[in-house]
Amino acid sequence: MKVLVLNCGSSSIKYKLFDMDHKEVIAQGGIEKIGLKGSFLKLTLPDGEKKILEKDIPEHTVGVEFILNTLISSEYGAIKSLDEINAVGHRMVHGGEKFSESVLLTQEVLDAFTACNDLAPLHNPANLKGVNAVSAILPDVPQIGVFDTAFHQTMPDYAYMYAVPYELYEKYGVRRYGFHGTSHRYVSKRVCEFLGVQPEGKKIITCHIGNGGSVSAIKDGKCMDTSMGLTPLEGLMMGTRSGDIDAGAVTFIMDKENLDANGVSNLLNKKSGVMGIFGESSDMRDLENAVAAGNPRAILAEKMYFYRIKKYVGAYAAALGGVDIIVFTGGVGENQCNCRSEVCEGLGFMGVKVDLEKNKVRGEEAVISTDDSKVKVVVIPTDEELMIASDTMAILSK
């Protein structure tokens, strides 16, 4: 059975085609700059070689059609006919309180998802464009929605509510939802398989660390808390996002800089975080190089970045009443050993001991804690697309 997984952004579409009989990726790539000059499809060939195919892609339907045509092309194709695609799984960002699990995308479901657009005005409409594009080209192929927010729907109310007038929750759904849920779900499940333990009875802290980042507290396989909130802005310091900030500081800045709601949103989402402190780049590799060169603002940004993660790990250990496993994933979490070591530095009181030699690992599954560490510290590369494909298979087999 073959499942196509799509992740549609406002101007991009990432895709992977899975042969689920063997759980292997048989084609992958992505389109960038949809609706802009210089749009292109970048694909990875079976031997790992990258190819760029340029084409004018004014909107998502053209983009999806370009992907499908590439999948069956004589030069780059992975399948002979589109009839071989049995289902399409979509990454859907914000399902609000309506979706606590992945679902078949019926019109009723899509209407409910559309009602959440106010909560994710950049992401949800783009997700819908991908669904509509597939419906137009492959009308008989079932489509499954897998929601970023679904895994966090097990949070208790005292963890997800904000201490603002309750009527704001009733009227507008103002509460904490969390994101990166598909990644947190995948790595929390996968780490148990990797270690040969059951999720039941285990207290796990998952750290999805990249340009965007979040930490989740997971008990018995269920999310009890997570660092992102109503939007992905809350929580950790990120590439361009501020993370946690005093709301009073926000109103103070708005007044001093004469900013409206859009202006302050742009400031906190696109000009803050690593970029705001370092001032030169939001890329952690650039930051690492600048730290090595002794750049004082780079050093400050890195310390802030690691410290925020450590704070959340400590807070979630308290919330869970201890921790058995700490997982690092995401672009930075999987590849940057000094991030992992700095976050775990000083957590010996919790029983955390990292083996610095074992920690010299990039992008592969590994236990990086010492043999006598009471807490297992593990690197698990995330695979959200495989999670989406697996959910798609599970729903179709019901």
Protein backbone atom coordinates (compact mmCIF):
# COMPACT_ATOMS: atom_id res chain seq x y z
CA MET A 1 0.00 0.00 0.00
CA LYS A 2 1.32 3.42 -0.93
CA VAL A 3 0.56 6.55 1.08
CA LEU A 4 1.45 10.08 -0.01
CA VAL A 5 2.08 12.49 2.89
CA LEU A 6 1.69 16.22 2.27
CA ASN A 7 2.71 19.12 4.50
CA CYS A 8 1.35 22.31 2.94
CA GLY A 9 2.58 25.72 4.08
CA SER A 10 1.53 29.12 2.83
CA SER A 11 4.09 29.04 0.01
CA SER A 12 5.46 25.50 0.18
CA ILE A 13 4.51 21.83 -0.06
CA LYS A 14 6.68 19.07 1.40
CA TYR A 15 5.94 15.50 0.42
CA LYS A 16 6.96 11.90 1.01
CA LEU A 17 5.61 8.81 -0.71
CA PHE A 18 5.70 5.72 1.50
CA ASP A 19 5.52 2.05 0.57
CA MET A 20 3.82 1.06 3.82
CA ASP A 21 4.21 -2.66 3.15
CA HIS A 22 7.90 -2.13 3.83
CA LYS A 23 7.65 1.19 5.74
CA GLU A 24 10.10 2.83 3.40
CA VAL A 25 10.21 6.19 1.64
CA ILE A 26 10.21 5.72 -2.13
CA ALA A 27 10.06 9.41 -3.09
CA GLN A 28 10.42 12.72 -1.31
CA GLY A 29 10.89 16.40 -1.95
CA GLY A 30 9.23 19.76 -1.70
CA ILE A 31 8.00 22.79 -3.59
CA GLU A 32 9.01 26.27 -2.52
CA LYS A 33 8.01 29.82 -3.45
CA ILE A 34 4.43 29.02 -4.50
CA GLY A 35 2.90 32.18 -5.97
CA LEU A 36 6.32 33.85 -6.18
CA LYS A 37 8.98 34.24 -8.85
CA GLY A 38 11.52 31.43 -9.04
CA SER A 39 9.26 28.66 -7.72
CA PHE A 40 10.73 25.15 -7.93
CA LEU A 41 10.45 21.53 -6.87
CA LYS A 42 13.44 20.02 -5.09
CA LEU A 43 13.48 16.24 -4.94
CA THR A 44 15.78 13.59 -3.53
CA LEU A 45 16.66 10.70 -5.83
CA PRO A 46 17.05 7.13 -4.47
CA ASP A 47 20.85 7.52 -4.43
CA GLY A 48 20.56 10.69 -2.32
CA GLU A 49 21.26 13.10 -5.16
CA LYS A 50 19.20 16.32 -5.11
CA LYS A 51 17.47 17.63 -8.21
CA ILE A 52 15.80 21.01 -8.71
CA LEU A 53 12.99 21.34 -11.25
CA GLU A 54 11.97 24.92 -11.95
CA LYS A 55 8.38 25.72 -12.89
CA ASP A 56 5.90 28.58 -12.49
CA ILE A 57 3.66 27.48 -9.60
CA PRO A 58 1.02 30.16 -9.00
CA GLU A 59 -1.04 28.20 -6.45
CA HIS A 60 -1.28 24.90 -4.54
CA THR A 61 -3.32 22.88 -7.03
CA VAL A 62 -0.63 23.43 -9.67
CA GLY A 63 1.97 22.47 -7.07
CA VAL A 64 0.24 19.22 -6.09
CA GLU A 65 -0.26 18.40 -9.78
CA PHE A 66 3.47 19.03 -10.40
CA ILE A 67 4.37 16.65 -7.54
CA LEU A 68 2.05 13.94 -8.84
CA ASN A 69 3.35 14.27 -12.39
CA THR A 70 6.91 14.03 -11.09
CA LEU A 71 6.03 10.86 -9.15
CA ILE A 72 4.98 9.14 -12.39
CA SER A 73 7.51 10.76 -14.75
CA SER A 74 9.82 8.56 -16.81
CA GLU A 75 12.93 10.32 -15.49
CA TYR A 76 12.19 10.84 -11.77
CA GLY A 77 9.12 8.68 -11.16
CA ALA A 78 8.75 6.26 -8.27
CA ILE A 79 5.44 4.78 -9.46
CA LYS A 80 3.99 3.99 -12.87
CA SER A 81 0.49 5.35 -12.29
CA LEU A 82 -1.35 7.60 -9.87
CA ASP A 83 -3.68 4.65 -9.30
CA GLU A 84 -0.92 3.22 -7.12
CA ILE A 85 -1.53 5.96 -4.50
CA ASN A 86 -3.98 4.40 -2.05
CA ALA A 87 -4.36 7.36 0.32
CA VAL A 88 -3.06 10.83 1.16
CA GLY A 89 -2.19 11.89 4.71
CA HIS A 90 -2.06 15.59 5.54
CA ARG A 91 -0.32 17.48 8.30
CA MET A 92 -3.04 19.73 9.72
CA VAL A 93 -1.83 22.38 12.15
CA HIS A 94 -4.61 23.61 14.43
CA GLY A 95 -7.59 21.44 15.26
CA GLY A 96 -8.55 23.38 18.38
CA GLU A 97 -10.54 21.25 20.83
CA LYS A 98 -12.39 19.51 18.01
CA PHE A 99 -9.80 16.85 17.18
CA SER A 100 -7.97 14.64 19.65
CA GLU A 101 -6.96 12.06 17.05
CA SER A 102 -6.39 11.70 13.33
CA VAL A 103 -9.53 11.46 11.18
CA LEU A 104 -10.84 10.78 7.70
CA LEU A 105 -11.31 14.15 6.02
CA THR A 106 -15.02 14.40 5.32
CA GLN A 107 -16.77 17.68 4.50
CA GLU A 108 -18.02 17.84 8.09
CA VAL A 109 -14.46 17.51 9.39
CA LEU A 110 -13.17 20.15 6.95
CA ASP A 111 -15.90 22.58 8.05
CA ALA A 112 -14.88 22.08 11.70
CA PHE A 113 -11.22 22.55 10.77
CA THR A 114 -12.02 25.72 8.85
CA ALA A 115 -13.71 27.08 11.98
CA CYS A 116 -10.27 26.96 13.64
CA ASN A 117 -8.71 29.29 11.06
CA ASP A 118 -8.65 32.22 13.48
CA LEU A 119 -6.34 30.20 15.73
CA ALA A 120 -3.83 29.54 12.91
CA PRO A 121 -4.47 32.07 10.13
CA LEU A 122 -1.23 31.31 8.27
CA HIS A 123 -1.23 27.53 8.55
CA ASN A 124 -4.79 26.20 8.44
CA PRO A 125 -5.82 27.82 5.13
CA ALA A 126 -2.64 26.45 3.54
CA ASN A 127 -3.44 22.95 4.84
CA LEU A 128 -6.90 23.24 3.31
CA LYS A 129 -5.44 24.24 -0.04
CA GLY A 130 -3.52 20.98 -0.11
CA VAL A 131 -6.64 18.95 0.69
CA ASN A 132 -8.65 20.75 -1.98
CA ALA A 133 -5.89 20.28 -4.54
CA VAL A 134 -5.83 16.52 -3.97
CA SER A 135 -9.65 16.41 -4.12
CA ALA A 136 -9.54 18.12 -7.51
CA ILE A 137 -6.91 15.80 -8.99
CA LEU A 138 -7.56 12.50 -7.14
CA PRO A 139 -11.24 12.76 -6.12
CA ASP A 140 -11.61 9.08 -5.22
CA VAL A 141 -8.51 8.77 -3.03
CA PRO A 142 -9.24 8.89 0.74
CA GLN A 143 -7.54 11.70 2.67
CA ILE A 144 -6.59 11.64 6.35
CA GLY A 145 -5.92 14.64 8.59
CA VAL A 146 -3.27 14.40 11.31
CA PHE A 147 -3.35 17.39 13.66
CA ASP A 148 -0.38 19.08 15.36
CA THR A 149 -2.58 19.90 18.34
CA ALA A 150 -4.28 16.50 18.77
CA PHE A 151 -1.65 14.79 20.97
CA HIS A 152 -1.86 17.62 23.51
CA GLN A 153 -5.62 17.29 23.99
CA THR A 154 -4.97 15.00 26.96
CA MET A 155 -3.62 17.94 28.99
CA PRO A 156 -5.66 18.54 32.15
CA ASP A 157 -7.62 21.79 32.32
CA TYR A 158 -5.39 23.25 35.04
CA ALA A 159 -2.45 22.90 32.62
CA TYR A 160 -4.08 24.28 29.48
CA MET A 161 -6.12 27.17 30.90
CA TYR A 162 -4.81 30.75 31.06
CA ALA A 163 -5.57 32.80 34.15
CA VAL A 164 -7.65 35.33 32.20
CA PRO A 165 -11.45 35.81 32.45
CA TYR A 166 -13.07 32.42 31.83
CA GLU A 167 -15.49 33.94 29.36
CA LEU A 168 -12.57 34.45 26.91
CA TYR A 169 -12.16 30.68 26.82
CA GLU A 170 -15.90 30.19 26.35
CA LYS A 171 -16.23 32.84 23.61
CA TYR A 172 -12.99 32.48 21.68
CA GLY A 173 -11.30 29.27 22.81
CA VAL A 174 -8.44 31.15 24.47
CA ARG A 175 -6.36 28.38 26.08
CA ARG A 176 -3.12 26.51 25.53
CA TYR A 177 -3.18 23.98 22.67
CA GLY A 178 0.47 23.14 21.98
CA PHE A 179 2.09 22.20 18.67
CA HIS A 180 4.65 19.74 17.28
CA GLY A 181 2.23 17.10 18.61
CA THR A 182 2.90 14.58 15.84
CA SER A 183 6.64 14.77 16.57
CA HIS A 184 6.22 14.50 20.35
CA ARG A 185 3.89 11.53 19.87
CA TYR A 186 6.27 9.81 17.46
CA VAL A 187 9.44 10.15 19.55
CA SER A 188 7.74 9.33 22.87
CA LYS A 189 6.43 6.10 21.32
CA ARG A 190 9.61 5.33 19.41
CA VAL A 191 11.92 5.81 22.42
CA CYS A 192 9.96 3.16 24.32
CA GLU A 193 10.35 0.74 21.39
CA PHE A 194 14.06 1.61 21.17
CA LEU A 195 14.63 0.99 24.88
CA GLY A 196 12.37 -2.07 25.01
CA VAL A 197 9.98 -0.64 27.60
CA GLN A 198 6.27 0.07 27.75
CA PRO A 199 4.91 3.66 27.79
CA GLU A 200 2.69 2.77 30.74
CA GLY A 201 4.36 3.71 34.00
CA LYS A 202 6.98 5.86 32.26
CA LYS A 203 7.52 9.59 32.74
CA ILE A 204 9.04 11.06 29.59
CA ILE A 205 10.14 14.58 28.68
CA THR A 206 10.45 15.15 24.94
CA CYS A 207 12.46 18.11 23.64
CA HIS A 208 11.70 19.00 20.00
CA ILE A 209 14.44 21.56 19.40
CA GLY A 210 14.90 23.33 16.09
CA ASN A 211 14.22 26.75 14.61
CA GLY A 212 10.89 26.26 16.34
CA GLY A 213 11.02 24.37 19.61
CA SER A 214 8.83 22.88 22.30
CA VAL A 215 9.05 20.56 25.30
CA SER A 216 6.35 18.13 26.39
CA ALA A 217 5.69 16.23 29.61
CA ILE A 218 4.33 12.74 28.90
CA LYS A 219 3.04 10.21 31.41
CA ASP A 220 1.78 6.73 30.48
CA GLY A 221 2.03 7.73 26.80
CA LYS A 222 -0.24 10.77 27.23
CA CYS A 223 0.69 14.44 27.12
CA MET A 224 0.25 16.19 30.47
CA ASP A 225 1.76 19.55 29.52
CA THR A 226 3.61 21.25 26.68
CA SER A 227 5.45 24.54 26.31
CA MET A 228 3.65 26.10 23.31
CA GLY A 229 0.27 27.73 23.90
CA LEU A 230 -2.62 29.25 21.98
CA THR A 231 -0.04 29.87 19.26
CA PRO A 232 3.51 28.55 18.69
CA LEU A 233 4.91 31.75 20.24
CA GLU A 234 4.78 30.62 23.88
CA GLY A 235 7.50 28.64 25.61
CA LEU A 236 11.11 28.26 24.49
CA MET A 237 13.31 30.88 22.90
CA MET A 238 13.37 29.94 19.20
CA GLY A 239 15.04 31.01 15.97
CA THR A 240 12.94 34.15 15.50
CA ARG A 241 10.27 33.76 18.23
CA SER A 242 10.67 35.30 21.67
CA GLY A 243 9.06 32.49 23.63
CA ASP A 244 7.83 33.38 27.12
CA ILE A 245 7.66 37.11 27.80
CA ASP A 246 5.88 39.24 30.38
CA ALA A 247 2.62 40.49 28.83
CA GLY A 248 3.32 43.79 30.56
CA ALA A 249 6.58 44.03 28.65
CA VAL A 250 4.59 43.53 25.42
CA THR A 251 2.20 46.40 26.15
CA PHE A 252 5.17 48.56 27.26
CA ILE A 253 6.95 47.89 23.94
CA MET A 254 3.76 48.54 21.98
CA ASP A 255 3.40 51.92 23.65
CA LYS A 256 7.05 52.95 23.28
CA GLU A 257 7.41 51.75 19.66
CA ASN A 258 3.87 52.78 18.64
CA LEU A 259 3.06 49.25 17.44
CA ASP A 260 -0.36 47.83 16.63
CA ALA A 261 -1.31 44.15 17.07
CA ASN A 262 0.25 43.16 13.71
CA GLY A 263 3.40 45.11 14.49
CA VAL A 264 3.98 43.46 17.85
CA SER A 265 3.13 40.03 16.42
CA ASN A 266 5.76 40.56 13.72
CA LEU A 267 8.28 41.70 16.34
CA LEU A 268 7.78 38.69 18.61
CA ASN A 269 7.38 36.04 15.90
CA LYS A 270 9.88 37.13 13.26
CA LYS A 271 12.44 39.48 14.82
CA SER A 272 13.05 38.02 18.26
CA GLY A 273 14.58 34.82 19.66
CA VAL A 274 18.09 33.99 18.49
CA MET A 275 17.79 36.55 15.70
CA GLY A 276 16.79 39.29 18.13
CA ILE A 277 19.69 38.72 20.53
CA PHE A 278 22.43 37.59 18.13
CA GLY A 279 21.37 40.09 15.46
CA GLU A 280 22.94 38.34 12.47
CA SER A 281 21.07 35.08 11.87
CA SER A 282 18.44 32.76 13.33
CA ASP A 283 20.33 29.64 12.18
CA MET A 284 21.93 27.71 15.04
CA ARG A 285 24.88 26.73 12.84
CA ASP A 286 25.68 30.40 12.27
CA LEU A 287 25.27 30.99 15.99
CA GLU A 288 27.65 28.13 16.82
CA ASN A 289 30.31 29.57 14.51
CA ALA A 290 29.92 33.03 16.03
CA VAL A 291 30.19 31.60 19.55
CA ALA A 292 33.42 29.83 18.56
CA ALA A 293 34.70 33.16 17.24
CA GLY A 294 33.96 34.81 20.61
CA ASN A 295 31.03 37.02 19.53
CA PRO A 296 29.56 38.23 22.87
CA ARG A 297 25.98 38.54 21.64
CA ALA A 298 26.15 35.08 20.10
CA ILE A 299 27.41 33.71 23.43
CA LEU A 300 24.53 35.43 25.25
CA ALA A 301 21.95 34.13 22.75
CA GLU A 302 23.22 30.57 23.07
CA LYS A 303 23.18 30.68 26.86
CA MET A 304 19.63 32.01 26.84
CA TYR A 305 18.53 29.37 24.32
CA PHE A 306 19.91 26.43 26.32
CA TYR A 307 18.79 27.84 29.67
CA ARG A 308 15.14 28.06 28.59
CA ILE A 309 15.15 24.38 27.58
CA LYS A 310 16.75 23.39 30.90
CA LYS A 311 14.10 25.37 32.81
CA TYR A 312 11.27 23.54 31.07
CA VAL A 313 12.90 20.13 31.59
CA GLY A 314 13.20 20.90 35.31
CA ALA A 315 9.64 22.23 35.52
CA TYR A 316 8.21 19.19 33.75
CA ALA A 317 10.16 16.80 35.96
CA ALA A 318 8.40 18.50 38.87
CA ALA A 319 5.01 18.36 37.12
CA LEU A 320 5.43 14.64 36.41
CA GLY A 321 6.80 13.83 39.87
CA GLY A 322 10.09 12.69 38.38
CA VAL A 323 11.38 11.62 34.98
CA ASP A 324 12.52 8.30 33.54
CA ILE A 325 13.49 9.33 30.00
CA ILE A 326 14.54 12.60 28.35
CA VAL A 327 14.37 12.64 24.55
CA PHE A 328 16.06 15.10 22.20
CA THR A 329 14.74 15.49 18.66
CA GLY A 330 14.35 18.14 15.93
CA GLY A 331 17.09 19.69 13.81
CA VAL A 332 19.08 21.02 16.77
CA GLY A 333 18.15 18.32 19.26
CA GLU A 334 19.25 15.55 16.90
CA ASN A 335 22.45 17.14 15.62
CA GLN A 336 23.92 19.57 18.12
CA CYS A 337 25.72 17.74 20.90
CA ASN A 338 26.54 20.88 22.90
CA CYS A 339 22.83 21.71 23.11
CA ARG A 340 22.12 18.35 24.72
CA SER A 341 25.09 18.50 27.10
CA GLU A 342 24.38 22.09 28.18
CA VAL A 343 20.70 21.38 28.81
CA CYS A 344 21.56 18.35 30.95
CA GLU A 345 24.44 20.08 32.76
CA GLY A 346 23.47 20.58 36.42
CA LEU A 347 20.61 18.07 36.34
CA GLY A 348 22.57 15.52 38.36
CA PHE A 349 20.21 16.13 41.30
CA MET A 350 17.49 14.57 39.09
CA GLY A 351 19.67 11.56 38.31
CA VAL A 352 20.76 12.79 34.87
CA LYS A 353 24.28 11.94 33.74
CA VAL A 354 25.35 12.43 30.13
CA ASP A 355 28.29 10.50 28.65
CA LEU A 356 30.14 13.13 26.62
CA GLU A 357 31.63 10.50 24.31
CA LYS A 358 28.27 8.86 23.60
CA ASN A 359 26.85 12.34 23.05
CA LYS A 360 29.02 12.83 19.95
CA VAL A 361 26.21 11.60 17.74
CA ARG A 362 24.32 13.29 14.91
CA GLY A 363 20.96 12.35 13.48
CA GLU A 364 20.76 8.77 14.72
CA GLU A 365 19.06 6.92 17.55
CA ALA A 366 21.34 6.66 20.56
CA VAL A 367 21.39 6.54 24.34
CA ILE A 368 23.73 9.33 25.42
CA SER A 369 23.46 8.95 29.20
CA THR A 370 25.97 7.02 31.28
CA ASP A 371 25.28 3.43 32.27
CA ASP A 372 24.66 4.47 35.88
CA SER A 373 22.40 7.43 35.03
CA LYS A 374 19.02 7.04 36.74
CA VAL A 375 17.42 8.89 33.81
CA LYS A 376 17.89 7.63 30.26
CA VAL A 377 18.82 10.48 27.91
CA VAL A 378 18.15 9.49 24.32
CA VAL A 379 18.43 11.01 20.83
CA ILE A 380 15.53 9.98 18.56
CA PRO A 381 15.31 11.56 15.08
CA THR A 382 11.72 12.57 14.51
CA ASP A 383 9.69 11.19 11.63
CA GLU A 384 6.39 13.05 11.53
CA GLU A 385 5.72 11.89 7.98
CA LEU A 386 5.96 8.21 9.00
CA MET A 387 3.60 8.95 11.90
CA ILE A 388 1.13 10.54 9.47
CA ALA A 389 1.43 7.60 7.07
CA SER A 390 0.93 5.12 9.93
CA ASP A 391 -2.16 6.98 11.14
CA THR A 392 -3.50 6.98 7.59
CA MET A 393 -3.05 3.22 7.37
CA ALA A 394 -4.66 2.68 10.78
CA ILE A 395 -7.76 4.69 9.87
CA LEU A 396 -8.21 3.01 6.50
CA SER A 397 -7.94 -0.43 8.07
CA LYS A 398 -10.79 0.23 10.54
